[in-house]
N, C-alpha and C. Protein backbone atom coordinates (compact mmCIF):
# COMPACT_ATOMS: atom_id res chain seq x y z
N MET A 1 70.27 123.78 90.65
CA MET A 1 70.83 122.70 91.42
C MET A 1 69.91 121.49 91.29
N HIS A 2 70.50 120.35 91.05
CA HIS A 2 69.73 119.13 90.90
C HIS A 2 69.47 118.51 92.27
N ARG A 3 68.24 118.16 92.51
CA ARG A 3 67.87 117.50 93.75
C ARG A 3 67.10 116.25 93.42
N HIS A 4 67.36 115.22 94.18
CA HIS A 4 66.63 113.98 93.99
C HIS A 4 65.38 114.03 94.83
N HIS A 5 64.26 113.88 94.20
CA HIS A 5 63.00 113.89 94.92
C HIS A 5 62.47 112.48 95.02
N GLU A 6 61.95 112.14 96.16
CA GLU A 6 61.35 110.84 96.37
C GLU A 6 60.02 110.79 95.63
N PRO A 7 59.64 109.62 95.18
CA PRO A 7 58.33 109.51 94.55
C PRO A 7 57.26 109.84 95.57
N PRO A 8 56.05 110.19 95.12
CA PRO A 8 55.01 110.60 96.06
C PRO A 8 54.63 109.51 97.04
N TYR A 9 55.00 108.29 96.75
CA TYR A 9 54.64 107.20 97.65
C TYR A 9 55.89 106.57 98.25
N ALA A 10 56.90 107.38 98.57
CA ALA A 10 58.17 106.88 99.07
C ALA A 10 57.96 105.94 100.24
N GLY A 11 58.55 104.79 100.12
CA GLY A 11 58.50 103.82 101.19
C GLY A 11 57.22 103.02 101.23
N GLY A 12 56.28 103.29 100.37
CA GLY A 12 55.00 102.58 100.40
C GLY A 12 54.57 102.18 99.01
N GLU A 13 53.37 101.84 98.88
CA GLU A 13 52.81 101.44 97.60
C GLU A 13 52.19 102.65 96.91
N PRO A 14 52.13 102.63 95.58
CA PRO A 14 51.49 103.73 94.87
C PRO A 14 50.01 103.82 95.26
N ALA A 15 49.49 105.00 95.13
CA ALA A 15 48.08 105.21 95.45
C ALA A 15 47.22 104.33 94.55
N ALA A 16 46.15 103.86 95.09
CA ALA A 16 45.24 103.00 94.32
C ALA A 16 44.60 103.80 93.20
N GLU A 17 44.23 103.10 92.16
CA GLU A 17 43.64 103.73 90.98
C GLU A 17 42.39 104.52 91.34
N ASP A 18 41.55 103.95 92.19
CA ASP A 18 40.29 104.62 92.49
C ASP A 18 40.48 105.83 93.40
N SER A 19 41.54 105.89 94.20
CA SER A 19 41.72 107.03 95.10
C SER A 19 42.20 108.26 94.37
N MET A 20 42.84 108.07 93.19
CA MET A 20 43.36 109.21 92.45
C MET A 20 42.47 109.56 91.27
N GLY A 21 41.54 108.69 90.92
CA GLY A 21 40.64 108.97 89.82
C GLY A 21 41.25 108.72 88.46
N ARG A 22 42.43 108.10 88.40
CA ARG A 22 43.05 107.77 87.12
C ARG A 22 43.83 106.47 87.28
N PRO A 23 44.12 105.82 86.18
CA PRO A 23 44.85 104.56 86.27
C PRO A 23 46.25 104.78 86.85
N SER A 24 46.74 103.81 87.60
CA SER A 24 48.09 103.95 88.16
C SER A 24 49.10 103.86 87.03
N GLU A 25 50.20 104.58 87.17
CA GLU A 25 51.24 104.61 86.16
C GLU A 25 52.43 103.81 86.65
N ARG A 26 53.14 103.21 85.71
CA ARG A 26 54.40 102.56 86.08
C ARG A 26 55.44 103.64 86.25
N ARG A 27 56.17 103.56 87.31
CA ARG A 27 57.22 104.53 87.58
C ARG A 27 58.58 103.89 87.33
N ILE A 28 59.56 104.73 87.14
CA ILE A 28 60.90 104.26 86.87
C ILE A 28 61.46 103.45 88.03
N ASP A 29 60.97 103.73 89.23
CA ASP A 29 61.49 103.01 90.39
C ASP A 29 60.71 101.72 90.67
N ASP A 30 59.82 101.32 89.79
CA ASP A 30 59.13 100.03 89.90
C ASP A 30 60.04 98.97 89.30
N ARG A 31 60.94 98.46 90.10
CA ARG A 31 61.90 97.47 89.64
C ARG A 31 61.52 96.10 90.15
N PRO A 32 61.93 95.07 89.43
CA PRO A 32 61.67 93.72 89.93
C PRO A 32 62.45 93.48 91.22
N ASP A 33 61.96 92.56 92.01
CA ASP A 33 62.59 92.22 93.28
C ASP A 33 63.93 91.54 93.01
N VAL A 34 65.03 92.15 93.46
CA VAL A 34 66.35 91.60 93.20
C VAL A 34 66.67 90.44 94.13
N THR A 35 65.90 90.26 95.19
CA THR A 35 66.18 89.15 96.09
C THR A 35 65.86 87.81 95.46
N SER A 36 65.06 87.81 94.40
CA SER A 36 64.72 86.55 93.73
C SER A 36 65.69 86.23 92.59
N ALA A 37 66.71 87.07 92.39
CA ALA A 37 67.68 86.84 91.33
C ALA A 37 68.54 85.63 91.67
N PRO A 38 69.04 84.91 90.66
CA PRO A 38 69.88 83.75 90.93
C PRO A 38 71.19 84.16 91.60
N ALA A 39 71.78 83.22 92.31
CA ALA A 39 73.05 83.49 93.01
C ALA A 39 74.13 83.79 91.98
N GLU A 40 75.16 84.49 92.44
CA GLU A 40 76.25 84.84 91.55
C GLU A 40 76.97 83.60 91.05
N GLY A 41 77.25 83.61 89.78
CA GLY A 41 78.01 82.51 89.21
C GLY A 41 79.49 82.83 89.25
N PRO A 42 80.33 81.93 88.81
CA PRO A 42 81.77 82.17 88.85
C PRO A 42 82.18 83.35 87.99
N ASP A 43 81.46 83.60 86.88
CA ASP A 43 81.80 84.74 86.03
C ASP A 43 81.59 86.05 86.77
N ASP A 44 80.51 86.15 87.52
CA ASP A 44 80.24 87.37 88.29
C ASP A 44 81.32 87.61 89.32
N GLN A 45 81.80 86.55 89.95
CA GLN A 45 82.86 86.69 90.95
C GLN A 45 84.17 87.12 90.29
N GLU A 46 84.44 86.59 89.11
CA GLU A 46 85.66 86.97 88.40
C GLU A 46 85.61 88.44 87.99
N VAL A 47 84.45 88.88 87.51
CA VAL A 47 84.29 90.27 87.11
C VAL A 47 84.45 91.19 88.33
N ALA A 48 83.84 90.79 89.44
CA ALA A 48 83.97 91.60 90.67
C ALA A 48 85.41 91.67 91.12
N ALA A 49 86.14 90.56 91.01
CA ALA A 49 87.55 90.55 91.40
C ALA A 49 88.36 91.46 90.47
N LEU A 50 88.05 91.42 89.17
CA LEU A 50 88.77 92.28 88.22
C LEU A 50 88.46 93.75 88.49
N TYR A 51 87.20 94.08 88.78
CA TYR A 51 86.85 95.45 89.14
C TYR A 51 87.65 95.90 90.36
N ALA A 52 87.74 95.05 91.37
CA ALA A 52 88.47 95.39 92.59
C ALA A 52 89.95 95.61 92.28
N LEU A 53 90.52 94.75 91.45
CA LEU A 53 91.93 94.88 91.09
C LEU A 53 92.18 96.18 90.32
N VAL A 54 91.34 96.44 89.32
CA VAL A 54 91.51 97.67 88.53
C VAL A 54 91.33 98.90 89.43
N ALA A 55 90.36 98.87 90.32
CA ALA A 55 90.14 100.01 91.21
C ALA A 55 91.35 100.24 92.10
N GLU A 56 91.91 99.18 92.65
CA GLU A 56 93.10 99.33 93.51
C GLU A 56 94.29 99.85 92.72
N ARG A 57 94.48 99.31 91.51
CA ARG A 57 95.61 99.77 90.68
C ARG A 57 95.41 101.22 90.23
N LEU A 58 94.18 101.62 89.97
CA LEU A 58 93.91 103.03 89.63
C LEU A 58 94.27 103.93 90.81
N LYS A 59 93.90 103.51 91.99
CA LYS A 59 94.21 104.28 93.19
C LYS A 59 95.73 104.43 93.35
N GLN A 60 96.46 103.35 93.16
CA GLN A 60 97.91 103.39 93.26
C GLN A 60 98.51 104.29 92.18
N ALA A 61 97.97 104.21 90.96
CA ALA A 61 98.48 105.03 89.87
C ALA A 61 98.24 106.51 90.15
N HIS A 62 97.06 106.84 90.69
CA HIS A 62 96.79 108.23 91.05
C HIS A 62 97.78 108.71 92.10
N ALA A 63 98.08 107.87 93.08
CA ALA A 63 99.05 108.25 94.13
C ALA A 63 100.44 108.46 93.52
N ARG A 64 100.81 107.61 92.58
CA ARG A 64 102.12 107.77 91.94
C ARG A 64 102.19 109.07 91.15
N VAL A 65 101.12 109.38 90.42
CA VAL A 65 101.10 110.62 89.64
C VAL A 65 101.17 111.82 90.58
N HIS A 66 100.44 111.76 91.67
CA HIS A 66 100.44 112.86 92.64
C HIS A 66 101.84 113.08 93.22
N ALA A 67 102.61 112.00 93.39
CA ALA A 67 103.93 112.09 94.00
C ALA A 67 105.03 112.48 93.01
N LEU A 68 104.73 112.50 91.72
CA LEU A 68 105.75 112.84 90.73
C LEU A 68 106.24 114.28 90.89
N ASN A 69 107.51 114.45 90.60
CA ASN A 69 108.11 115.78 90.65
C ASN A 69 108.13 116.36 89.23
N VAL A 70 106.93 116.71 88.76
CA VAL A 70 106.77 117.27 87.42
C VAL A 70 105.86 118.49 87.52
N SER A 71 105.72 119.16 86.42
CA SER A 71 104.88 120.36 86.41
C SER A 71 103.41 120.02 86.65
N ALA A 72 102.67 121.02 87.04
CA ALA A 72 101.23 120.82 87.26
C ALA A 72 100.54 120.43 85.97
N ASP A 73 101.00 120.97 84.84
CA ASP A 73 100.41 120.61 83.55
C ASP A 73 100.63 119.13 83.22
N ALA A 74 101.83 118.63 83.53
CA ALA A 74 102.11 117.21 83.28
C ALA A 74 101.25 116.33 84.18
N LYS A 75 101.10 116.71 85.44
CA LYS A 75 100.25 115.95 86.35
C LYS A 75 98.80 115.96 85.88
N THR A 76 98.35 117.10 85.39
CA THR A 76 96.98 117.20 84.89
C THR A 76 96.78 116.28 83.70
N ALA A 77 97.74 116.25 82.79
CA ALA A 77 97.63 115.39 81.62
C ALA A 77 97.61 113.92 82.02
N LEU A 78 98.45 113.54 82.96
CA LEU A 78 98.48 112.15 83.42
C LEU A 78 97.20 111.78 84.15
N THR A 79 96.70 112.70 84.94
CA THR A 79 95.45 112.45 85.67
C THR A 79 94.30 112.29 84.68
N ARG A 80 94.29 113.05 83.62
CA ARG A 80 93.25 112.89 82.59
C ARG A 80 93.30 111.52 81.96
N GLN A 81 94.52 111.02 81.73
CA GLN A 81 94.66 109.68 81.16
C GLN A 81 94.06 108.64 82.11
N LEU A 82 94.28 108.82 83.41
CA LEU A 82 93.71 107.90 84.39
C LEU A 82 92.19 108.00 84.43
N LEU A 83 91.67 109.19 84.26
CA LEU A 83 90.22 109.37 84.24
C LEU A 83 89.60 108.69 83.01
N ILE A 84 90.34 108.69 81.92
CA ILE A 84 89.87 107.99 80.72
C ILE A 84 89.83 106.49 81.00
N VAL A 85 90.83 105.97 81.70
CA VAL A 85 90.83 104.55 82.07
C VAL A 85 89.62 104.26 82.97
N THR A 86 89.33 105.15 83.90
CA THR A 86 88.19 104.98 84.79
C THR A 86 86.89 104.92 84.00
N GLU A 87 86.72 105.83 83.06
CA GLU A 87 85.51 105.83 82.23
C GLU A 87 85.43 104.57 81.37
N THR A 88 86.57 104.13 80.86
CA THR A 88 86.59 102.92 80.05
C THR A 88 86.16 101.71 80.88
N ALA A 89 86.54 101.68 82.15
CA ALA A 89 86.19 100.55 83.02
C ALA A 89 84.68 100.41 83.17
N LYS A 90 83.95 101.48 83.01
CA LYS A 90 82.50 101.42 83.13
C LYS A 90 81.86 100.68 81.95
N ARG A 91 82.54 100.69 80.79
CA ARG A 91 81.99 100.08 79.59
C ARG A 91 82.72 98.81 79.17
N ASP A 92 84.05 98.79 79.37
CA ASP A 92 84.87 97.68 78.87
C ASP A 92 85.99 97.43 79.87
N LEU A 93 85.71 96.60 80.86
CA LEU A 93 86.67 96.37 81.95
C LEU A 93 87.99 95.77 81.47
N PRO A 94 87.99 94.76 80.62
CA PRO A 94 89.28 94.23 80.15
C PRO A 94 90.12 95.28 79.41
N GLU A 95 89.48 96.11 78.60
CA GLU A 95 90.22 97.17 77.90
C GLU A 95 90.79 98.17 78.91
N ALA A 96 90.03 98.50 79.93
CA ALA A 96 90.53 99.42 80.97
C ALA A 96 91.74 98.82 81.67
N ALA A 97 91.70 97.53 81.96
CA ALA A 97 92.84 96.86 82.61
C ALA A 97 94.07 96.93 81.71
N ARG A 98 93.89 96.73 80.40
CA ARG A 98 95.02 96.81 79.46
C ARG A 98 95.58 98.24 79.41
N ARG A 99 94.70 99.22 79.33
CA ARG A 99 95.16 100.61 79.29
C ARG A 99 95.91 100.99 80.56
N LEU A 100 95.39 100.52 81.69
CA LEU A 100 96.04 100.83 82.96
C LEU A 100 97.41 100.18 83.03
N SER A 101 97.52 98.95 82.55
CA SER A 101 98.82 98.27 82.54
C SER A 101 99.82 99.04 81.68
N ARG A 102 99.38 99.50 80.51
CA ARG A 102 100.27 100.30 79.65
C ARG A 102 100.68 101.59 80.34
N PHE A 103 99.72 102.23 81.01
CA PHE A 103 100.00 103.49 81.70
C PHE A 103 101.05 103.27 82.78
N VAL A 104 100.87 102.24 83.60
CA VAL A 104 101.82 101.96 84.68
C VAL A 104 103.18 101.58 84.10
N HIS A 105 103.17 100.80 83.03
CA HIS A 105 104.43 100.43 82.37
C HIS A 105 105.17 101.68 81.91
N ASP A 106 104.44 102.62 81.30
CA ASP A 106 105.07 103.86 80.85
C ASP A 106 105.61 104.67 82.03
N LEU A 107 104.90 104.67 83.15
CA LEU A 107 105.41 105.36 84.34
C LEU A 107 106.69 104.69 84.84
N ASP A 108 106.73 103.37 84.79
CA ASP A 108 107.91 102.63 85.25
C ASP A 108 109.12 102.88 84.35
N GLU A 109 108.87 103.13 83.07
CA GLU A 109 109.95 103.35 82.11
C GLU A 109 110.73 104.62 82.37
N GLY A 110 110.10 105.60 82.95
CA GLY A 110 110.81 106.84 83.20
C GLY A 110 109.85 108.00 83.35
N PRO A 111 110.43 109.18 83.50
CA PRO A 111 109.57 110.35 83.69
C PRO A 111 108.73 110.61 82.44
N PRO A 112 107.53 111.11 82.65
CA PRO A 112 106.65 111.39 81.50
C PRO A 112 107.19 112.56 80.69
N PRO A 113 106.94 112.55 79.40
CA PRO A 113 107.38 113.70 78.59
C PRO A 113 106.60 114.95 78.99
N LEU A 114 107.30 116.04 79.08
CA LEU A 114 106.66 117.31 79.41
C LEU A 114 106.17 117.97 78.13
N ARG A 115 104.97 118.48 78.17
CA ARG A 115 104.40 119.13 76.98
C ARG A 115 104.47 120.61 77.12
């Protein structure tokens, strides 16, 4: 079972070099302060809006698939297609939006083919 362990200095500063007898190491959780990052630009807001839209449409598509009167195998296949769209959204949001639009269009056209 995977468990997330806090670094030995959780919530505080790393131990000083002289107290441990070795040089301090950079840890993966030593990130720059995000509060000093520049404010969001219009592109960031557009991307956030597109993520929200795709997420809402994915939720609606999952509900539609769940409500279909088809076999469990057909629902599983359709759900897998939606999961592929979800994974695509992590790497290529515009492509995910296109795939989702095609998926919804195909659902609107009629019942899915049974395999």
